[in-house]
């Protein structure tokens, strides 16, 4: 999938999430979604929709895969600078992003790919190592 397609799908998904009556926008099959809001360098709000994945300790982990693009997603760069806002159907909170490295990142990556093997396909499309980010309240 091309990055332009991902951006277009995200825009449509955000519209659905903003419709308070569209419960299916928050859940698809076994995947739950959340809206992430970050601030751009020019202080504009940048919203994306991302799948929620929880590690064995129930921490929310997000992946900066951008579908296997060589380009890092803008929201990842925004999180490197500032905190973000996390929205689901049931909760909303400001969070600090914890970027995972080393042995911990390797362990989480293995858990993630065992549960969602399509990330391995994405990783094969690029030499860029996807950032794994823990959402911390």
C-alpha atoms as a PDB file:
ATOM      1  CA  UNK A   1       0.000   0.000   0.000  1.00  0.00           C
ATOM      2  CA  UNK A   2       1.345   3.432  -0.932  1.00  0.00           C
ATOM      3  CA  UNK A   3       1.728   6.168   1.668  1.00  0.00           C
ATOM      4  CA  UNK A   4      -0.851   8.317  -0.154  1.00  0.00           C
ATOM      5  CA  UNK A   5      -3.384   5.513   0.224  1.00  0.00           C
ATOM      6  CA  UNK A   6      -2.617   5.226   3.942  1.00  0.00           C
ATOM      7  CA  UNK A   7      -3.152   8.981   4.354  1.00  0.00           C
ATOM      8  CA  UNK A   8      -6.467   8.830   2.454  1.00  0.00           C
ATOM      9  CA  UNK A   9      -7.700   5.849   4.475  1.00  0.00           C
ATOM     10  CA  UNK A  10      -6.728   7.636   7.697  1.00  0.00           C
ATOM     11  CA  UNK A  11      -8.733  10.717   6.694  1.00  0.00           C
ATOM     12  CA  UNK A  12     -11.807   8.577   6.048  1.00  0.00           C
ATOM     13  CA  UNK A  13     -11.302   6.672   9.296  1.00  0.00           C
ATOM     14  CA  UNK A  14     -11.012   9.936  11.254  1.00  0.00           C
ATOM     15  CA  UNK A  15     -14.344  11.085   9.796  1.00  0.00           C
ATOM     16  CA  UNK A  16     -15.916   7.839  10.956  1.00  0.00           C
ATOM     17  CA  UNK A  17     -14.440   8.177  14.451  1.00  0.00           C
ATOM     18  CA  UNK A  18     -15.860  11.691  14.711  1.00  0.00           C
ATOM     19  CA  UNK A  19     -19.335  10.296  14.044  1.00  0.00           C
ATOM     20  CA  UNK A  20     -20.467   9.433  17.556  1.00  0.00           C
ATOM     21  CA  UNK A  21     -22.935   6.850  16.223  1.00  0.00           C
ATOM     22  CA  UNK A  22     -20.362   4.813  14.243  1.00  0.00           C
ATOM     23  CA  UNK A  23     -19.284   2.252  16.835  1.00  0.00           C
ATOM     24  CA  UNK A  24     -17.704   0.023  14.164  1.00  0.00           C
ATOM     25  CA  UNK A  25     -15.084   2.694  13.458  1.00  0.00           C
ATOM     26  CA  UNK A  26     -13.423   1.867  16.781  1.00  0.00           C
ATOM     27  CA  UNK A  27     -13.270  -1.889  16.236  1.00  0.00           C
ATOM     28  CA  UNK A  28     -12.694  -4.051  13.154  1.00  0.00           C
ATOM     29  CA  UNK A  29     -12.638  -7.816  13.552  1.00  0.00           C
ATOM     30  CA  UNK A  30     -10.119  -8.391  16.369  1.00  0.00           C
ATOM     31  CA  UNK A  31      -8.444  -4.985  16.036  1.00  0.00           C
ATOM     32  CA  UNK A  32      -9.256  -1.983  18.230  1.00  0.00           C
ATOM     33  CA  UNK A  33      -8.328   1.513  17.042  1.00  0.00           C
ATOM     34  CA  UNK A  34      -7.515   4.812  18.690  1.00  0.00           C
ATOM     35  CA  UNK A  35      -7.043   8.365  17.552  1.00  0.00           C
ATOM     36  CA  UNK A  36      -3.637   9.880  18.190  1.00  0.00           C
ATOM     37  CA  UNK A  37      -3.245  13.642  18.216  1.00  0.00           C
ATOM     38  CA  UNK A  38       0.217  15.206  18.053  1.00  0.00           C
ATOM     39  CA  UNK A  39       1.535  18.709  17.456  1.00  0.00           C
ATOM     40  CA  UNK A  40       3.526  19.518  14.341  1.00  0.00           C
ATOM     41  CA  UNK A  41       6.613  21.770  14.488  1.00  0.00           C
ATOM     42  CA  UNK A  42       4.327  24.673  13.507  1.00  0.00           C
ATOM     43  CA  UNK A  43       1.954  23.802  16.411  1.00  0.00           C
ATOM     44  CA  UNK A  44      -0.818  22.426  14.215  1.00  0.00           C
ATOM     45  CA  UNK A  45      -2.741  19.384  15.421  1.00  0.00           C
ATOM     46  CA  UNK A  46      -1.965  16.225  13.443  1.00  0.00           C
ATOM     47  CA  UNK A  47      -4.463  13.361  13.911  1.00  0.00           C
ATOM     48  CA  UNK A  48      -4.040   9.757  12.828  1.00  0.00           C
ATOM     49  CA  UNK A  49      -5.872   6.507  13.474  1.00  0.00           C
ATOM     50  CA  UNK A  50      -3.744   3.608  14.672  1.00  0.00           C
ATOM     51  CA  UNK A  51      -4.433   0.048  15.767  1.00  0.00           C
ATOM     52  CA  UNK A  52      -4.044  -0.748  19.439  1.00  0.00           C
ATOM     53  CA  UNK A  53      -1.790  -3.650  20.317  1.00  0.00           C
ATOM     54  CA  UNK A  54      -1.012  -4.635  23.891  1.00  0.00           C
ATOM     55  CA  UNK A  55       2.067  -6.500  25.048  1.00  0.00           C
ATOM     56  CA  UNK A  56       1.955  -9.294  27.642  1.00  0.00           C
ATOM     57  CA  UNK A  57       1.907  -6.622  30.384  1.00  0.00           C
ATOM     58  CA  UNK A  58      -1.129  -4.916  28.766  1.00  0.00           C
ATOM     59  CA  UNK A  59       0.871  -1.823  27.754  1.00  0.00           C
ATOM     60  CA  UNK A  60      -0.334  -0.146  24.568  1.00  0.00           C
ATOM     61  CA  UNK A  61       2.345  -0.343  21.868  1.00  0.00           C
ATOM     62  CA  UNK A  62       2.179   1.475  18.530  1.00  0.00           C
ATOM     63  CA  UNK A  63       4.329   0.822  15.479  1.00  0.00           C
ATOM     64  CA  UNK A  64       5.695   3.503  13.161  1.00  0.00           C
ATOM     65  CA  UNK A  65       5.522   1.239  10.122  1.00  0.00           C
ATOM     66  CA  UNK A  66       3.700   3.469   7.606  1.00  0.00           C
ATOM     67  CA  UNK A  67       2.898   0.276   5.706  1.00  0.00           C
ATOM     68  CA  UNK A  68       6.582  -0.455   5.083  1.00  0.00           C
ATOM     69  CA  UNK A  69       7.437   2.961   3.657  1.00  0.00           C
ATOM     70  CA  UNK A  70      11.016   4.200   3.721  1.00  0.00           C
ATOM     71  CA  UNK A  71       9.634   7.433   5.217  1.00  0.00           C
ATOM     72  CA  UNK A  72       8.960   7.615   8.934  1.00  0.00           C
ATOM     73  CA  UNK A  73       5.384   8.676   9.714  1.00  0.00           C
ATOM     74  CA  UNK A  74       5.007  12.340  10.674  1.00  0.00           C
ATOM     75  CA  UNK A  75       3.276  11.417  13.912  1.00  0.00           C
ATOM     76  CA  UNK A  76       6.424   9.579  15.054  1.00  0.00           C
ATOM     77  CA  UNK A  77       8.572  12.677  14.514  1.00  0.00           C
ATOM     78  CA  UNK A  78       5.965  14.722  16.380  1.00  0.00           C
ATOM     79  CA  UNK A  79       6.061  12.311  19.345  1.00  0.00           C
ATOM     80  CA  UNK A  80       9.853  12.604  19.509  1.00  0.00           C
ATOM     81  CA  UNK A  81       9.336  16.299  20.333  1.00  0.00           C
ATOM     82  CA  UNK A  82       6.199  16.404  22.480  1.00  0.00           C
ATOM     83  CA  UNK A  83       3.584  14.358  24.290  1.00  0.00           C
ATOM     84  CA  UNK A  84       0.473  13.190  22.484  1.00  0.00           C
ATOM     85  CA  UNK A  85      -3.230  12.731  23.129  1.00  0.00           C
ATOM     86  CA  UNK A  86      -4.782   9.260  23.138  1.00  0.00           C
ATOM     87  CA  UNK A  87      -8.516   8.827  22.374  1.00  0.00           C
ATOM     88  CA  UNK A  88     -10.613   5.698  22.406  1.00  0.00           C
ATOM     89  CA  UNK A  89     -14.350   5.207  22.827  1.00  0.00           C
ATOM     90  CA  UNK A  90     -13.892   4.996  26.586  1.00  0.00           C
ATOM     91  CA  UNK A  91     -10.922   7.167  27.451  1.00  0.00           C
ATOM     92  CA  UNK A  92      -8.899  10.230  26.617  1.00  0.00           C
ATOM     93  CA  UNK A  93      -5.555  11.181  28.144  1.00  0.00           C
ATOM     94  CA  UNK A  94      -2.301  12.991  27.529  1.00  0.00           C
ATOM     95  CA  UNK A  95       0.665  10.635  27.354  1.00  0.00           C
ATOM     96  CA  UNK A  96       4.408  10.499  27.112  1.00  0.00           C
ATOM     97  CA  UNK A  97       5.803   8.346  24.333  1.00  0.00           C
ATOM     98  CA  UNK A  98       8.406   5.817  25.395  1.00  0.00           C
ATOM     99  CA  UNK A  99      10.476   4.689  22.409  1.00  0.00           C
ATOM    100  CA  UNK A 100      11.706   1.132  22.889  1.00  0.00           C
ATOM    101  CA  UNK A 101      15.292   0.089  22.238  1.00  0.00           C
ATOM    102  CA  UNK A 102      17.650  -2.851  22.613  1.00  0.00           C
ATOM    103  CA  UNK A 103      16.569  -6.143  24.149  1.00  0.00           C
ATOM    104  CA  UNK A 104      13.199  -4.758  25.199  1.00  0.00           C
ATOM    105  CA  UNK A 105      12.423  -3.617  21.650  1.00  0.00           C
ATOM    106  CA  UNK A 106      13.479  -7.010  20.260  1.00  0.00           C
ATOM    107  CA  UNK A 107      11.246  -8.852  22.740  1.00  0.00           C
ATOM    108  CA  UNK A 108       8.234  -6.614  22.019  1.00  0.00           C
ATOM    109  CA  UNK A 109       8.830  -6.869  18.248  1.00  0.00           C
ATOM    110  CA  UNK A 110       8.778 -10.690  18.478  1.00  0.00           C
ATOM    111  CA  UNK A 111       5.529 -10.634  20.496  1.00  0.00           C
ATOM    112  CA  UNK A 112       3.949  -8.172  18.076  1.00  0.00           C
ATOM    113  CA  UNK A 113       4.910 -10.129  14.963  1.00  0.00           C
ATOM    114  CA  UNK A 114       3.706 -13.411  16.480  1.00  0.00           C
ATOM    115  CA  UNK A 115       0.294 -11.784  16.910  1.00  0.00           C
ATOM    116  CA  UNK A 116       0.299  -9.599  13.774  1.00  0.00           C
ATOM    117  CA  UNK A 117       2.620 -11.208  11.219  1.00  0.00           C
ATOM    118  CA  UNK A 118       1.851  -8.620   8.525  1.00  0.00           C
ATOM    119  CA  UNK A 119       4.373  -6.336  10.245  1.00  0.00           C
ATOM    120  CA  UNK A 120       7.082  -8.719   9.031  1.00  0.00           C
ATOM    121  CA  UNK A 121       5.838  -8.138   5.469  1.00  0.00           C
ATOM    122  CA  UNK A 122       5.991  -4.375   6.014  1.00  0.00           C
ATOM    123  CA  UNK A 123       9.511  -4.635   7.457  1.00  0.00           C
ATOM    124  CA  UNK A 124      10.724  -6.517   4.369  1.00  0.00           C
ATOM    125  CA  UNK A 125       9.756  -3.531   2.199  1.00  0.00           C
ATOM    126  CA  UNK A 126      12.310  -1.195   3.813  1.00  0.00           C
ATOM    127  CA  UNK A 127      15.648  -1.073   5.583  1.00  0.00           C
ATOM    128  CA  UNK A 128      14.203   1.419   8.084  1.00  0.00           C
ATOM    129  CA  UNK A 129      13.778  -0.116  11.531  1.00  0.00           C
ATOM    130  CA  UNK A 130      10.240   0.624  12.698  1.00  0.00           C
ATOM    131  CA  UNK A 131       9.988   2.520  15.955  1.00  0.00           C
ATOM    132  CA  UNK A 132       8.008   0.759  18.676  1.00  0.00           C
ATOM    133  CA  UNK A 133       6.423   3.211  21.070  1.00  0.00           C
ATOM    134  CA  UNK A 134       4.846   2.496  24.450  1.00  0.00           C
ATOM    135  CA  UNK A 135       1.968   4.796  25.355  1.00  0.00           C
ATOM    136  CA  UNK A 136       2.380   5.831  28.996  1.00  0.00           C
ATOM    137  CA  UNK A 137      -0.262   7.714  30.977  1.00  0.00           C
END
